[in-house]
N, C-alpha and C. Protein backbone atom coordinates (compact mmCIF):
# COMPACT_ATOMS: atom_id res chain seq x y z
N UNK A 1 0.84 -1.18 0.00
CA UNK A 1 0.00 0.00 0.00
C UNK A 1 0.89 1.25 0.00
N UNK A 2 0.41 2.26 -0.65
CA UNK A 2 1.14 3.53 -0.71
C UNK A 2 1.14 4.21 0.67
N UNK A 3 2.17 4.98 0.96
CA UNK A 3 2.24 5.65 2.26
C UNK A 3 1.15 6.72 2.41
N UNK A 4 0.81 7.00 3.65
CA UNK A 4 -0.19 8.02 3.95
C UNK A 4 0.39 9.42 3.71
N UNK A 5 -0.48 10.40 3.67
CA UNK A 5 -0.04 11.78 3.51
C UNK A 5 0.90 12.17 4.66
N UNK A 6 0.53 11.79 5.85
CA UNK A 6 1.35 12.11 7.02
C UNK A 6 2.76 11.52 6.89
N UNK A 7 2.84 10.26 6.44
CA UNK A 7 4.13 9.59 6.28
C UNK A 7 4.95 10.27 5.18
N UNK A 8 4.31 10.64 4.08
CA UNK A 8 5.02 11.33 3.00
C UNK A 8 5.57 12.67 3.47
N UNK A 9 4.77 13.43 4.20
CA UNK A 9 5.22 14.74 4.69
C UNK A 9 6.40 14.58 5.66
N UNK A 10 6.34 13.57 6.52
CA UNK A 10 7.44 13.32 7.45
C UNK A 10 8.71 12.95 6.69
N UNK A 11 8.57 12.11 5.68
CA UNK A 11 9.73 11.71 4.88
C UNK A 11 10.32 12.90 4.13
N UNK A 12 9.47 13.77 3.62
CA UNK A 12 9.97 14.96 2.90
C UNK A 12 10.68 15.93 3.84
N UNK A 13 10.18 16.07 5.06
CA UNK A 13 10.87 16.93 6.04
C UNK A 13 12.26 16.38 6.35
N UNK A 14 12.34 15.07 6.56
CA UNK A 14 13.63 14.44 6.84
C UNK A 14 14.56 14.56 5.64
N UNK A 15 14.04 14.37 4.44
CA UNK A 15 14.86 14.47 3.24
C UNK A 15 15.36 15.89 3.05
N UNK A 16 14.53 16.87 3.31
CA UNK A 16 14.94 18.27 3.17
C UNK A 16 16.11 18.57 4.10
N UNK A 17 16.04 18.08 5.32
CA UNK A 17 17.12 18.32 6.27
C UNK A 17 18.42 17.64 5.82
N UNK A 18 18.31 16.40 5.35
CA UNK A 18 19.51 15.67 4.92
C UNK A 18 20.07 16.21 3.62
N UNK A 19 19.21 16.57 2.68
CA UNK A 19 19.69 17.00 1.37
C UNK A 19 20.34 18.38 1.41
N UNK A 20 20.03 19.16 2.43
CA UNK A 20 20.63 20.50 2.54
C UNK A 20 22.14 20.43 2.68
N UNK A 21 22.66 19.35 3.15
CA UNK A 21 24.10 19.20 3.30
C UNK A 21 24.77 18.48 2.15
N UNK A 22 24.04 18.27 1.07
CA UNK A 22 24.57 17.51 -0.07
C UNK A 22 24.73 18.42 -1.30
N UNK A 23 25.58 18.01 -2.19
CA UNK A 23 25.72 18.73 -3.45
C UNK A 23 24.55 18.44 -4.38
N UNK A 24 24.07 17.19 -4.38
CA UNK A 24 22.99 16.77 -5.27
C UNK A 24 21.89 16.10 -4.47
N UNK A 25 20.65 16.37 -4.84
CA UNK A 25 19.50 15.72 -4.22
C UNK A 25 18.57 15.23 -5.32
N UNK A 26 18.02 14.03 -5.15
CA UNK A 26 17.11 13.47 -6.15
C UNK A 26 15.93 12.80 -5.47
N UNK A 27 14.76 13.05 -6.02
CA UNK A 27 13.53 12.39 -5.57
C UNK A 27 12.90 11.74 -6.78
N UNK A 28 12.60 10.46 -6.66
CA UNK A 28 11.89 9.73 -7.71
C UNK A 28 10.61 9.22 -7.10
N UNK A 29 9.51 9.49 -7.75
CA UNK A 29 8.22 9.09 -7.21
C UNK A 29 7.37 8.44 -8.29
N UNK A 30 6.65 7.42 -7.90
CA UNK A 30 5.64 6.83 -8.75
C UNK A 30 4.34 6.82 -7.97
N UNK A 31 3.26 6.74 -8.65
CA UNK A 31 1.98 6.71 -7.98
C UNK A 31 0.92 7.38 -8.81
N UNK A 32 -0.20 7.61 -8.19
CA UNK A 32 -1.32 8.25 -8.87
C UNK A 32 -1.31 9.74 -8.58
N UNK A 33 -1.73 10.49 -9.54
CA UNK A 33 -1.79 11.93 -9.36
C UNK A 33 -2.85 12.54 -10.26
N UNK A 34 -3.16 13.77 -9.97
CA UNK A 34 -4.12 14.53 -10.78
C UNK A 34 -3.63 15.96 -10.91
N UNK A 35 -4.13 16.64 -11.92
CA UNK A 35 -3.82 18.05 -12.10
C UNK A 35 -5.10 18.84 -11.87
N UNK A 36 -4.99 19.90 -11.12
CA UNK A 36 -6.13 20.78 -10.86
C UNK A 36 -5.62 22.19 -10.67
N UNK A 37 -6.27 23.13 -11.29
CA UNK A 37 -5.94 24.54 -11.14
C UNK A 37 -4.47 24.82 -11.45
N UNK A 38 -3.94 24.11 -12.46
CA UNK A 38 -2.56 24.33 -12.88
C UNK A 38 -1.49 23.69 -12.03
N UNK A 39 -1.86 22.89 -11.04
CA UNK A 39 -0.89 22.22 -10.17
C UNK A 39 -1.10 20.72 -10.24
N UNK A 40 -0.03 19.97 -10.05
CA UNK A 40 -0.11 18.51 -10.04
C UNK A 40 -0.02 18.03 -8.59
N UNK A 41 -0.88 17.07 -8.26
CA UNK A 41 -0.96 16.54 -6.90
C UNK A 41 -0.75 15.03 -6.92
N UNK A 42 0.04 14.54 -5.97
CA UNK A 42 0.16 13.11 -5.75
C UNK A 42 -0.94 12.68 -4.80
N UNK A 43 -1.51 11.51 -5.05
CA UNK A 43 -2.57 11.00 -4.19
C UNK A 43 -1.98 9.94 -3.27
N UNK A 44 -1.88 10.22 -1.98
CA UNK A 44 -1.29 9.26 -1.04
C UNK A 44 -2.22 8.07 -0.80
N UNK A 45 -1.70 7.07 -0.12
CA UNK A 45 -2.45 5.85 0.13
C UNK A 45 -3.74 6.05 0.91
N UNK A 46 -3.81 7.10 1.71
CA UNK A 46 -5.03 7.33 2.50
C UNK A 46 -5.94 8.38 1.87
N UNK A 47 -5.75 8.68 0.58
CA UNK A 47 -6.60 9.67 -0.09
C UNK A 47 -8.04 9.17 -0.13
N UNK A 48 -9.01 10.01 0.22
CA UNK A 48 -10.42 9.60 0.22
C UNK A 48 -11.03 9.69 -1.19
N UNK A 49 -10.79 8.69 -2.00
CA UNK A 49 -11.24 8.70 -3.40
C UNK A 49 -12.75 8.94 -3.53
N UNK A 50 -13.51 8.48 -2.56
CA UNK A 50 -14.96 8.64 -2.63
C UNK A 50 -15.39 10.11 -2.57
N UNK A 51 -14.48 11.00 -2.12
CA UNK A 51 -14.80 12.43 -2.05
C UNK A 51 -14.48 13.16 -3.35
N UNK A 52 -13.89 12.47 -4.30
CA UNK A 52 -13.62 13.07 -5.60
C UNK A 52 -12.29 13.81 -5.63
N UNK A 53 -12.15 14.66 -6.65
CA UNK A 53 -10.88 15.33 -6.92
C UNK A 53 -11.03 16.85 -7.02
N UNK A 54 -12.00 17.39 -6.34
CA UNK A 54 -12.16 18.84 -6.33
C UNK A 54 -11.01 19.49 -5.58
N UNK A 55 -10.75 20.73 -5.92
CA UNK A 55 -9.61 21.44 -5.32
C UNK A 55 -9.64 21.44 -3.80
N UNK A 56 -10.77 21.69 -3.14
CA UNK A 56 -10.75 21.68 -1.67
C UNK A 56 -10.32 20.32 -1.09
N UNK A 57 -10.74 19.23 -1.72
CA UNK A 57 -10.36 17.89 -1.25
C UNK A 57 -8.88 17.66 -1.51
N UNK A 58 -8.41 18.05 -2.68
CA UNK A 58 -6.99 17.89 -3.00
C UNK A 58 -6.11 18.67 -2.03
N UNK A 59 -6.48 19.90 -1.74
CA UNK A 59 -5.68 20.72 -0.83
C UNK A 59 -5.59 20.11 0.56
N UNK A 60 -6.64 19.42 0.96
CA UNK A 60 -6.69 18.84 2.31
C UNK A 60 -6.03 17.47 2.39
N UNK A 61 -6.08 16.69 1.29
CA UNK A 61 -5.67 15.29 1.38
C UNK A 61 -4.54 14.87 0.45
N UNK A 62 -4.27 15.63 -0.59
CA UNK A 62 -3.23 15.24 -1.55
C UNK A 62 -1.93 15.98 -1.23
N UNK A 63 -0.93 15.72 -2.03
CA UNK A 63 0.39 16.32 -1.82
C UNK A 63 0.81 17.03 -3.11
N UNK A 64 0.90 18.36 -3.09
CA UNK A 64 1.33 19.06 -4.30
C UNK A 64 2.76 18.66 -4.69
N UNK A 65 2.97 18.44 -5.97
CA UNK A 65 4.29 18.03 -6.43
C UNK A 65 5.33 19.11 -6.12
N UNK A 66 4.93 20.37 -6.11
CA UNK A 66 5.90 21.41 -5.79
C UNK A 66 6.41 21.28 -4.35
N UNK A 67 5.71 20.56 -3.51
CA UNK A 67 6.19 20.26 -2.16
C UNK A 67 7.40 19.33 -2.23
N UNK A 68 7.37 18.38 -3.16
CA UNK A 68 8.52 17.51 -3.38
C UNK A 68 9.70 18.33 -3.86
N UNK A 69 9.43 19.20 -4.83
CA UNK A 69 10.49 20.04 -5.40
C UNK A 69 11.15 20.87 -4.30
N UNK A 70 10.35 21.45 -3.42
CA UNK A 70 10.89 22.29 -2.35
C UNK A 70 11.71 21.49 -1.35
N UNK A 71 11.48 20.19 -1.27
CA UNK A 71 12.22 19.35 -0.32
C UNK A 71 13.60 18.97 -0.80
N UNK A 72 13.86 19.10 -2.08
CA UNK A 72 15.18 18.79 -2.62
C UNK A 72 16.04 20.04 -2.48
N UNK A 73 17.01 19.98 -1.58
CA UNK A 73 17.80 21.17 -1.24
C UNK A 73 19.29 21.01 -1.49
N UNK A 74 19.63 20.23 -2.49
CA UNK A 74 21.04 20.07 -2.84
C UNK A 74 21.65 21.41 -3.22
N UNK A 75 22.92 21.57 -2.90
CA UNK A 75 23.59 22.87 -3.16
C UNK A 75 23.82 23.13 -4.63
N UNK A 76 24.03 22.07 -5.42
CA UNK A 76 24.36 22.28 -6.84
C UNK A 76 23.31 21.76 -7.80
N UNK A 77 22.65 20.65 -7.46
CA UNK A 77 21.71 20.04 -8.38
C UNK A 77 20.59 19.36 -7.63
N UNK A 78 19.35 19.60 -8.09
CA UNK A 78 18.18 18.95 -7.53
C UNK A 78 17.37 18.35 -8.65
N UNK A 79 17.08 17.06 -8.54
CA UNK A 79 16.30 16.35 -9.54
C UNK A 79 15.03 15.81 -8.89
N UNK A 80 13.91 16.14 -9.47
CA UNK A 80 12.63 15.63 -8.95
C UNK A 80 11.83 15.12 -10.13
């Protein structure tokens, strides 16, 4: 099963702290996602699919891909 939103956020916080001391940082992700209002969102394992994919639900339960990008803090190169 895919990790929960809470687990993903915790992992990204830890990765941000570790990658800040590195020259290069890389994040590779697979999973389900949707685009809404010009942004792409990853759907974590605990996403409430029965509530649909409206922006309010996505903001509360999904993970914006730009959050992954912000977590990569390598000094010279960041790949997401």
